[in-house]
Amino acid sequence: MSASSSSLIPKFDVFLSFSSEEDTAKTFVTDLFSSLSEKGITTYYKDEKLEEGVSSSGSDLSKCIRDSKLAVVVVSESYPTSVLCLNELQTILNLQDEGQLSVLLIFYGVDTSNIRKQTGEYAEPFRKLGEEYSAEKVQSWRRTLTKLTGISGLDSRFWSREAEMVDLITNEISLVISNTQISPSTFKADGPVAMDRHMHALYELLDLNSDKEVRLVGICGPGGVGKTTLARYAYEEMSVNFHVHMFVDNSEKNYQETFTSTEIQEDAQTDVIKSALGQRRGLLVIDCVDNLQQLKDIAEIVGWFGSGSRVIFVTQEKSLLDEVGVEHVYELQSLRYDEALQLFCRAAFNQQHPPTSFESLALRAVQVASFLPLTLKILGSSLHGKDERTWEEELQKLEGDQEKTIMEVMKKSCARANEE
């Protein structure tokens, strides 16, 4: 294509990457495209008309992606085995790494663990790809899919109404395009270590597809194990599924006053809140529950919710949850060894694995931190940029009594924060 004809390729606000092989996924994408168009958002959509003028070559397609402000990737069942989609995805993620493109992932009715490992329904298709393409090419696609599943995305399985999902995504895209409220980094950050595993277990307890009850769920575990991180992450992922929602941290004691929505003013009276919540699906997360009176204060508010609502209590004391009859409890344990090492290395080296010369020191550090996320982050940050001799000295001081070690790491963190 000549330079003059290339300049005629339109620029888009959004590039829609999806597989057209499935009717349900294509219907969803079509509805999303229509919704974006109604908002005046120019969107690349792979229909026959556009493909004739725009995507006749790989270079043209790459330019369309590069010139877009945001790529929306709809990962349906056939997406991970479509050569066209895999090539698009590689371009999209490379541009994301370069900071040239924001990406919003939508997992449409798929199991990300099978995509990550190319197992289950993806094992045979990938074997066949190996017969048609070079081993190097297939391996690069495998790496791309593994990378894809390490990025946070929206999961269609947790929406009861697809129309609401389309509206939400349209509004979020509109905000990104206009550079207001939501920054592009919202869709670029990798999720916390082990969060997929925790979220899967928590979602099973929450049973979001059921509208039969107001379900109470507890998250419990020792200090520093990551309860608040999990609760906050789950809240951010799930809040779009509810009419009203609120995350209450340990600094907020008056739950009736803090539980508000766009339709409820902060100074609303109790009867107004009752009427607003009466028949609505709400999400309420209470962090740092440490006494029975807190649970009693919350009980009245829980009674105002409509069926399908969810209330999550976060506490170190499982006995409190037992006392008020919370049946669905997720007991958060320390990280697995590989997860703990990955989290520590992120803080200490800004990468997933330790440099060769620091391998044994990093293994000792993980043991010293007792596999606790908060301690791993603090210890890793305190050792960041230090030489091997300093590491050895610091670890020797900390090795021994685990409880004393954790307290010492916390003290160092507080002292450093005060200095700054």
Protein backbone atom coordinates (compact mmCIF):
# COMPACT_ATOMS: atom_id res chain seq x y z
CA MET A 1 0.00 0.00 0.00
CA SER A 2 1.36 3.44 -0.88
CA ALA A 3 2.07 6.14 1.72
CA SER A 4 -0.83 8.21 0.44
CA SER A 5 -3.35 5.37 0.67
CA SER A 6 -1.99 4.37 4.10
CA SER A 7 -2.72 7.85 5.38
CA LEU A 8 -6.38 7.27 4.54
CA ILE A 9 -6.67 4.53 7.19
CA PRO A 10 -8.92 5.99 9.89
CA LYS A 11 -7.79 6.38 13.50
CA PHE A 12 -9.96 4.80 16.17
CA ASP A 13 -10.67 5.46 19.82
CA VAL A 14 -11.10 1.73 20.47
CA PHE A 15 -9.78 -1.38 18.75
CA LEU A 16 -12.05 -4.40 19.35
CA SER A 17 -10.16 -7.68 19.26
CA PHE A 18 -12.40 -10.75 19.27
CA SER A 19 -13.10 -14.07 17.60
CA SER A 20 -16.05 -14.05 15.20
CA GLU A 21 -16.40 -17.85 15.29
CA GLU A 22 -18.91 -17.93 18.19
CA ASP A 23 -22.40 -16.49 17.81
CA THR A 24 -22.85 -15.61 21.50
CA ALA A 25 -19.52 -13.80 21.78
CA LYS A 26 -20.08 -12.03 18.46
CA THR A 27 -23.53 -10.90 19.62
CA PHE A 28 -22.00 -9.45 22.76
CA VAL A 29 -19.31 -7.64 20.76
CA THR A 30 -21.91 -6.34 18.30
CA ASP A 31 -23.98 -4.95 21.18
CA LEU A 32 -20.86 -3.36 22.67
CA PHE A 33 -19.93 -1.85 19.30
CA SER A 34 -23.43 -0.37 18.93
CA SER A 35 -23.31 1.02 22.46
CA LEU A 36 -19.92 2.65 21.84
CA SER A 37 -21.11 4.10 18.54
CA GLU A 38 -24.11 5.66 20.26
CA LYS A 39 -21.65 7.40 22.60
CA GLY A 40 -19.72 8.75 19.62
CA ILE A 41 -16.72 6.51 20.28
CA THR A 42 -15.06 5.48 17.01
CA THR A 43 -14.39 1.76 17.17
CA TYR A 44 -12.57 -0.69 14.92
CA TYR A 45 -14.89 -3.66 14.40
CA LYS A 46 -14.06 -6.61 12.18
CA ASP A 47 -17.00 -6.74 9.81
CA GLU A 48 -16.70 -7.37 6.07
CA LYS A 49 -17.01 -3.72 5.12
CA LEU A 50 -14.21 -2.58 7.38
CA GLU A 51 -11.99 -5.50 6.52
CA GLU A 52 -12.12 -4.58 2.83
CA GLY A 53 -10.82 -1.09 3.50
CA VAL A 54 -8.68 -1.48 6.56
CA SER A 55 -7.46 -4.91 7.45
CA SER A 56 -6.32 -6.17 4.07
CA SER A 57 -2.76 -6.59 5.38
CA GLY A 58 -1.03 -7.24 8.67
CA SER A 59 0.71 -3.88 8.56
CA ASP A 60 -2.61 -2.05 8.16
CA LEU A 61 -4.07 -3.96 11.09
CA SER A 62 -1.04 -3.17 13.23
CA LYS A 63 -1.41 0.51 12.37
CA CYS A 64 -5.08 0.44 13.37
CA ILE A 65 -4.12 -1.02 16.74
CA ARG A 66 -1.23 1.40 17.22
CA ASP A 67 -3.38 4.42 16.37
CA SER A 68 -6.13 3.46 18.81
CA LYS A 69 -6.34 4.87 22.32
CA LEU A 70 -7.61 1.66 23.88
CA ALA A 71 -7.70 -2.01 22.88
CA VAL A 72 -10.66 -4.03 24.17
CA VAL A 73 -9.84 -7.74 24.03
CA VAL A 74 -12.83 -10.09 24.32
CA VAL A 75 -11.38 -13.49 25.17
CA SER A 76 -14.03 -16.07 24.28
CA GLU A 77 -13.62 -19.85 23.96
CA SER A 78 -12.26 -19.81 20.41
CA TYR A 79 -10.07 -16.70 20.84
CA PRO A 80 -6.95 -18.48 22.23
CA THR A 81 -6.77 -20.84 19.23
CA SER A 82 -7.44 -18.32 16.45
CA VAL A 83 -4.23 -17.44 14.60
CA LEU A 84 -5.64 -14.02 13.65
CA CYS A 85 -6.55 -13.28 17.27
CA LEU A 86 -3.22 -14.55 18.62
CA ASN A 87 -1.30 -12.28 16.25
CA GLU A 88 -3.50 -9.33 17.18
CA LEU A 89 -2.98 -10.09 20.86
CA GLN A 90 0.81 -10.14 20.48
CA THR A 91 0.73 -6.71 18.86
CA ILE A 92 -1.63 -5.36 21.52
CA LEU A 93 0.39 -6.62 24.50
CA ASN A 94 3.68 -5.45 22.97
CA LEU A 95 2.25 -1.95 22.57
CA GLN A 96 0.95 -2.11 26.13
CA ASP A 97 4.44 -3.00 27.40
CA GLU A 98 5.82 -0.03 25.50
CA GLY A 99 3.28 2.25 27.19
CA GLN A 100 1.67 3.13 23.84
CA LEU A 101 -1.70 1.47 24.37
CA SER A 102 -4.18 0.89 27.19
CA VAL A 103 -5.86 -2.50 27.32
CA LEU A 104 -9.19 -3.66 28.75
CA LEU A 105 -9.60 -7.45 28.98
CA ILE A 106 -13.00 -9.13 29.03
CA PHE A 107 -12.98 -12.87 29.74
CA TYR A 108 -16.20 -14.08 28.11
CA GLY A 109 -17.30 -17.41 29.61
CA VAL A 110 -13.81 -18.95 29.76
CA ASP A 111 -11.58 -20.60 32.37
CA THR A 112 -8.37 -18.57 32.56
CA SER A 113 -6.40 -21.45 34.09
CA ASN A 114 -6.91 -23.57 30.96
CA ILE A 115 -5.92 -20.61 28.78
CA ARG A 116 -2.80 -19.99 30.85
CA LYS A 117 -1.58 -23.58 30.55
CA GLN A 118 -3.19 -24.39 27.18
CA THR A 119 -4.81 -27.45 28.73
CA GLY A 120 -8.34 -28.84 28.62
CA GLU A 121 -10.16 -27.73 25.48
CA TYR A 122 -7.01 -25.93 24.24
CA ALA A 123 -4.61 -28.87 24.35
CA GLU A 124 -5.61 -30.48 21.05
CA PRO A 125 -5.99 -27.22 19.04
CA PHE A 126 -2.50 -26.18 20.09
CA ARG A 127 -1.14 -29.57 19.09
CA LYS A 128 -2.64 -29.02 15.63
CA LEU A 129 -1.17 -25.50 15.44
CA GLY A 130 2.20 -27.15 16.02
CA GLU A 131 1.67 -29.16 12.83
CA GLU A 132 1.03 -26.03 10.74
CA TYR A 133 3.41 -23.51 12.28
CA SER A 134 6.97 -23.53 13.56
CA ALA A 135 7.69 -24.57 17.12
CA GLU A 136 9.10 -21.09 17.77
CA LYS A 137 5.88 -19.41 16.61
CA VAL A 138 3.64 -21.69 18.65
CA GLN A 139 5.84 -21.16 21.71
CA SER A 140 5.56 -17.40 21.31
CA TRP A 141 1.76 -17.72 21.24
CA ARG A 142 1.90 -19.83 24.40
CA ARG A 143 3.94 -17.14 26.17
CA THR A 144 1.46 -14.50 25.01
CA LEU A 145 -1.50 -16.41 26.48
CA THR A 146 0.33 -16.94 29.76
CA LYS A 147 1.02 -13.23 29.88
CA LEU A 148 -2.61 -12.46 29.03
CA THR A 149 -3.97 -14.39 32.01
CA GLY A 150 -1.62 -12.51 34.34
CA ILE A 151 -3.48 -9.26 33.63
CA SER A 152 -6.62 -8.32 35.53
CA GLY A 153 -9.80 -8.34 33.46
CA LEU A 154 -13.59 -8.37 33.68
CA ASP A 155 -15.27 -11.78 33.88
CA SER A 156 -18.64 -12.18 32.17
CA ARG A 157 -19.53 -15.13 34.39
CA PHE A 158 -20.22 -12.77 37.26
CA TRP A 159 -22.88 -10.72 35.44
CA SER A 160 -26.47 -11.87 35.55
CA ARG A 161 -27.53 -9.42 32.82
CA GLU A 162 -25.38 -8.90 29.76
CA ALA A 163 -26.98 -5.55 28.93
CA GLU A 164 -25.75 -4.16 32.25
CA MET A 165 -22.27 -5.45 31.47
CA VAL A 166 -22.31 -3.68 28.09
CA ASP A 167 -23.45 -0.42 29.72
CA LEU A 168 -20.73 -0.60 32.37
CA ILE A 169 -17.96 -1.30 29.86
CA THR A 170 -19.20 1.49 27.59
CA ASN A 171 -19.15 3.98 30.44
CA GLU A 172 -15.67 2.94 31.56
CA ILE A 173 -14.33 3.18 28.01
CA SER A 174 -15.94 6.60 27.65
CA LEU A 175 -14.12 7.77 30.78
CA VAL A 176 -10.78 6.40 29.56
CA ILE A 177 -11.16 8.01 26.15
CA SER A 178 -11.99 11.38 27.70
CA ASN A 179 -9.14 11.01 30.22
CA THR A 180 -11.40 11.56 33.21
CA GLN A 181 -11.84 9.67 36.46
CA ILE A 182 -10.32 6.39 35.24
CA SER A 183 -6.71 6.45 34.06
CA PRO A 184 -5.33 4.04 31.46
CA SER A 185 -3.29 2.35 34.20
CA THR A 186 -6.55 0.91 35.51
CA PHE A 187 -6.34 -1.74 32.82
CA LYS A 188 -2.56 -2.18 32.71
CA ALA A 189 -1.58 -3.28 36.20
CA ASP A 190 -0.99 -6.98 36.93
CA GLY A 191 -3.04 -8.39 39.75
CA PRO A 192 -1.48 -9.16 43.17
CA VAL A 193 0.35 -12.45 43.60
CA ALA A 194 -1.96 -15.45 44.27
CA MET A 195 -5.05 -13.29 43.77
CA ASP A 196 -6.52 -15.59 41.11
CA ARG A 197 -6.47 -18.48 43.56
CA HIS A 198 -7.99 -16.48 46.40
CA MET A 199 -10.63 -14.88 44.19
CA HIS A 200 -11.74 -18.23 42.83
CA ALA A 201 -12.28 -19.58 46.35
CA LEU A 202 -14.03 -16.40 47.48
CA TYR A 203 -16.34 -16.31 44.46
CA GLU A 204 -17.46 -19.85 45.22
CA LEU A 205 -18.49 -18.74 48.71
CA LEU A 206 -20.19 -15.59 47.43
CA ASP A 207 -22.22 -17.49 44.80
CA LEU A 208 -22.98 -14.28 42.91
CA ASN A 209 -25.34 -15.99 40.49
CA SER A 210 -27.83 -16.66 43.26
CA ASP A 211 -30.45 -14.02 44.06
CA LYS A 212 -32.27 -16.07 46.71
CA GLU A 213 -30.74 -14.52 49.83
CA VAL A 214 -28.63 -11.82 51.43
CA ARG A 215 -25.45 -13.82 51.87
CA LEU A 216 -22.92 -13.10 54.65
CA VAL A 217 -19.32 -14.09 53.94
CA GLY A 218 -16.26 -13.83 56.16
CA ILE A 219 -12.56 -13.44 55.35
CA CYS A 220 -10.34 -14.30 58.30
CA GLY A 221 -6.68 -14.96 59.01
CA PRO A 222 -3.67 -13.66 60.94
CA GLY A 223 -2.35 -10.11 60.58
CA GLY A 224 -0.30 -9.42 57.47
CA VAL A 225 -1.65 -12.41 55.52
CA GLY A 226 -3.44 -10.18 52.95
CA LYS A 227 -7.07 -10.09 54.09
CA THR A 228 -7.62 -6.41 53.34
CA THR A 229 -5.84 -6.70 49.98
CA LEU A 230 -8.14 -9.57 48.99
CA ALA A 231 -11.26 -7.76 50.24
CA ARG A 232 -10.37 -4.54 48.43
CA TYR A 233 -9.52 -6.38 45.21
CA ALA A 234 -12.75 -8.38 45.35
CA TYR A 235 -14.73 -5.20 46.03
CA GLU A 236 -13.24 -3.42 43.02
CA GLU A 237 -13.97 -6.43 40.81
CA MET A 238 -17.52 -7.04 42.03
CA SER A 239 -18.98 -3.62 42.81
CA VAL A 240 -20.15 -3.13 39.23
CA ASN A 241 -22.55 -6.05 39.73
CA PHE A 242 -24.52 -4.24 42.43
CA HIS A 243 -26.91 -1.29 42.50
CA VAL A 244 -25.23 0.20 45.58
CA HIS A 245 -21.93 -0.67 47.21
CA MET A 246 -19.63 0.45 50.01
CA PHE A 247 -16.21 -0.50 51.41
CA VAL A 248 -15.89 0.52 55.06
CA ASP A 249 -12.39 0.52 56.51
CA ASN A 250 -11.42 0.48 60.17
CA SER A 251 -11.50 4.28 60.45
CA GLU A 252 -15.21 4.48 59.66
CA LYS A 253 -17.42 3.54 62.59
CA ASN A 254 -20.83 4.94 61.68
CA TYR A 255 -21.92 2.46 59.04
CA GLN A 256 -25.38 3.97 58.51
CA GLU A 257 -23.88 7.33 57.60
CA THR A 258 -21.05 5.99 55.43
CA PHE A 259 -23.14 3.61 53.34
CA THR A 260 -24.20 5.91 50.52
CA SER A 261 -24.70 5.83 46.77
CA THR A 262 -25.08 8.32 43.97
CA GLU A 263 -28.76 8.57 44.83
CA ILE A 264 -28.29 8.89 48.61
CA GLN A 265 -26.83 12.09 50.03
CA GLU A 266 -24.27 11.78 52.82
CA ASP A 267 -26.60 13.46 55.31
CA ALA A 268 -29.54 11.19 54.45
CA GLN A 269 -31.78 10.07 57.27
CA THR A 270 -32.15 6.42 58.17
CA ASP A 271 -35.62 6.08 56.63
CA VAL A 272 -34.33 7.48 53.32
CA ILE A 273 -31.51 4.93 53.27
CA LYS A 274 -33.96 2.17 54.10
CA SER A 275 -36.21 3.09 51.20
CA ALA A 276 -33.25 3.32 48.82
CA LEU A 277 -31.85 -0.07 49.80
CA GLY A 278 -35.12 -1.91 50.39
CA GLN A 279 -35.47 -3.71 47.08
CA ARG A 280 -31.94 -3.24 45.76
CA ARG A 281 -28.94 -5.51 45.33
CA GLY A 282 -26.13 -4.15 47.51
CA LEU A 283 -22.51 -4.99 48.34
CA LEU A 284 -21.09 -4.04 51.72
CA VAL A 285 -17.51 -4.86 52.79
CA ILE A 286 -16.53 -4.21 56.42
CA ASP A 287 -12.78 -4.33 57.06
CA CYS A 288 -11.08 -4.90 60.43
CA VAL A 289 -14.06 -6.22 62.39
CA ASP A 290 -12.70 -6.73 65.91
CA ASN A 291 -15.67 -6.84 68.26
CA LEU A 292 -19.18 -8.18 68.51
CA GLN A 293 -20.79 -4.73 68.79
CA GLN A 294 -19.60 -3.87 65.28
CA LEU A 295 -21.39 -6.91 63.93
CA LYS A 296 -24.57 -5.98 65.79
CA ASP A 297 -24.44 -2.43 64.37
CA ILE A 298 -24.18 -3.86 60.87
CA ALA A 299 -27.03 -6.35 61.38
CA GLU A 300 -29.73 -3.67 61.02
CA ILE A 301 -28.28 -2.41 57.73
CA VAL A 302 -28.08 -5.97 56.37
CA GLY A 303 -31.82 -6.24 56.89
CA TRP A 304 -32.40 -3.37 54.46
CA PHE A 305 -30.75 -5.09 51.51
CA GLY A 306 -32.69 -6.79 48.73
CA SER A 307 -32.20 -10.43 47.75
CA GLY A 308 -28.92 -11.13 45.99
CA SER A 309 -26.97 -8.71 48.19
CA ARG A 310 -23.62 -9.66 49.69
CA VAL A 311 -21.94 -8.58 52.94
CA ILE A 312 -18.25 -9.40 53.54
CA PHE A 313 -16.70 -9.21 57.01
CA VAL A 314 -12.89 -9.05 57.32
CA THR A 315 -11.45 -10.09 60.68
CA GLN A 316 -8.59 -11.84 62.45
CA GLU A 317 -11.07 -13.51 64.81
CA LYS A 318 -13.00 -16.39 63.26
CA SER A 319 -14.79 -16.82 66.58
CA LEU A 320 -16.63 -13.53 65.97
CA LEU A 321 -17.98 -14.86 62.68
CA ASP A 322 -19.02 -18.10 64.34
CA GLU A 323 -20.80 -16.20 67.11
CA VAL A 324 -23.10 -14.35 64.69
CA GLY A 325 -23.65 -17.38 62.46
CA VAL A 326 -21.62 -16.49 59.37
CA GLU A 327 -21.58 -19.83 57.57
CA HIS A 328 -19.46 -18.97 54.53
CA VAL A 329 -15.90 -18.22 55.67
CA TYR A 330 -12.65 -18.09 53.71
CA GLU A 331 -9.66 -18.66 55.98
CA LEU A 332 -6.73 -16.96 54.29
CA GLN A 333 -3.47 -18.87 54.69
CA SER A 334 0.12 -17.86 54.08
CA LEU A 335 1.31 -17.80 50.47
CA ARG A 336 2.63 -20.90 48.79
CA TYR A 337 6.41 -21.02 48.39
CA ASP A 338 6.46 -20.04 44.70
CA GLU A 339 3.98 -17.20 45.32
CA ALA A 340 5.95 -15.88 48.28
CA LEU A 341 9.18 -15.86 46.26
CA GLN A 342 7.49 -14.02 43.38
CA LEU A 343 6.04 -11.35 45.69
CA PHE A 344 9.35 -10.87 47.48
CA CYS A 345 11.25 -10.56 44.18
CA ARG A 346 8.84 -7.90 42.93
CA ALA A 347 9.69 -5.77 45.96
CA ALA A 348 13.41 -6.56 46.09
CA PHE A 349 14.35 -6.71 42.39
CA ASN A 350 11.36 -5.30 40.45
CA GLN A 351 11.09 -8.63 38.64
CA GLN A 352 9.47 -12.04 39.10
CA HIS A 353 12.59 -14.10 39.91
CA PRO A 354 15.86 -13.42 41.81
CA PRO A 355 19.13 -12.82 39.94
CA THR A 356 21.34 -15.90 40.00
CA SER A 357 23.77 -14.45 42.56
CA PHE A 358 20.90 -13.68 44.96
CA GLU A 359 18.97 -16.95 44.66
CA SER A 360 20.01 -18.49 47.98
CA LEU A 361 19.65 -15.17 49.81
CA ALA A 362 16.15 -14.67 48.40
CA LEU A 363 15.14 -18.17 49.54
CA ARG A 364 16.32 -17.38 53.06
CA ALA A 365 14.48 -14.06 53.03
CA VAL A 366 11.21 -15.77 52.13
CA GLN A 367 11.67 -18.12 55.08
CA VAL A 368 12.48 -15.19 57.37
CA ALA A 369 9.28 -13.41 56.32
CA SER A 370 7.21 -16.51 57.17
CA PHE A 371 5.49 -16.34 53.75
CA LEU A 372 3.37 -13.37 54.93
CA PRO A 373 2.62 -10.88 52.09
CA LEU A 374 3.04 -7.69 54.12
CA THR A 375 6.31 -8.85 55.68
CA LEU A 376 7.61 -10.02 52.30
CA LYS A 377 6.89 -6.63 50.74
CA ILE A 378 8.50 -4.68 53.58
CA LEU A 379 11.58 -6.90 53.79
CA GLY A 380 12.00 -6.93 50.01
CA SER A 381 11.74 -3.14 49.82
CA SER A 382 14.27 -2.71 52.64
CA LEU A 383 16.81 -4.89 50.81
CA HIS A 384 16.18 -3.37 47.38
CA GLY A 385 19.40 -2.06 45.83
CA LYS A 386 21.64 -3.48 48.60
CA ASP A 387 24.71 -5.63 47.90
CA GLU A 388 25.06 -9.31 48.83
CA ARG A 389 27.12 -8.58 51.94
CA THR A 390 24.41 -6.28 53.32
CA TRP A 391 21.78 -8.90 52.57
CA GLU A 392 23.78 -11.50 54.48
CA GLU A 393 24.18 -9.21 57.49
CA GLU A 394 20.49 -8.27 57.59
CA LEU A 395 19.27 -11.84 57.22
CA GLN A 396 21.59 -13.11 59.96
CA LYS A 397 20.11 -10.51 62.33
CA LEU A 398 16.57 -11.58 61.49
CA GLU A 399 16.90 -15.36 61.37
CA GLY A 400 15.70 -17.20 64.45
CA ASP A 401 12.54 -16.20 66.31
CA GLN A 402 9.85 -15.71 63.64
CA GLU A 403 7.62 -13.51 65.81
CA LYS A 404 10.52 -11.23 66.72
CA THR A 405 11.58 -11.15 63.07
CA ILE A 406 8.19 -9.90 61.90
CA MET A 407 8.13 -7.21 64.59
CA GLU A 408 11.66 -6.13 63.66
CA VAL A 409 10.76 -5.87 59.97
CA MET A 410 7.71 -3.76 60.85
CA LYS A 411 9.80 -1.46 63.04
CA LYS A 412 12.30 -0.91 60.23
CA SER A 413 9.45 -0.03 57.90
CA CYS A 414 7.99 2.51 60.36
CA ALA A 415 11.40 4.05 61.00
CA ARG A 416 12.07 4.43 57.28
CA ALA A 417 8.64 5.99 56.74
CA ASN A 418 9.29 8.54 59.50
CA GLU A 419 12.64 9.47 57.97
CA GLU A 420 10.96 10.11 54.63
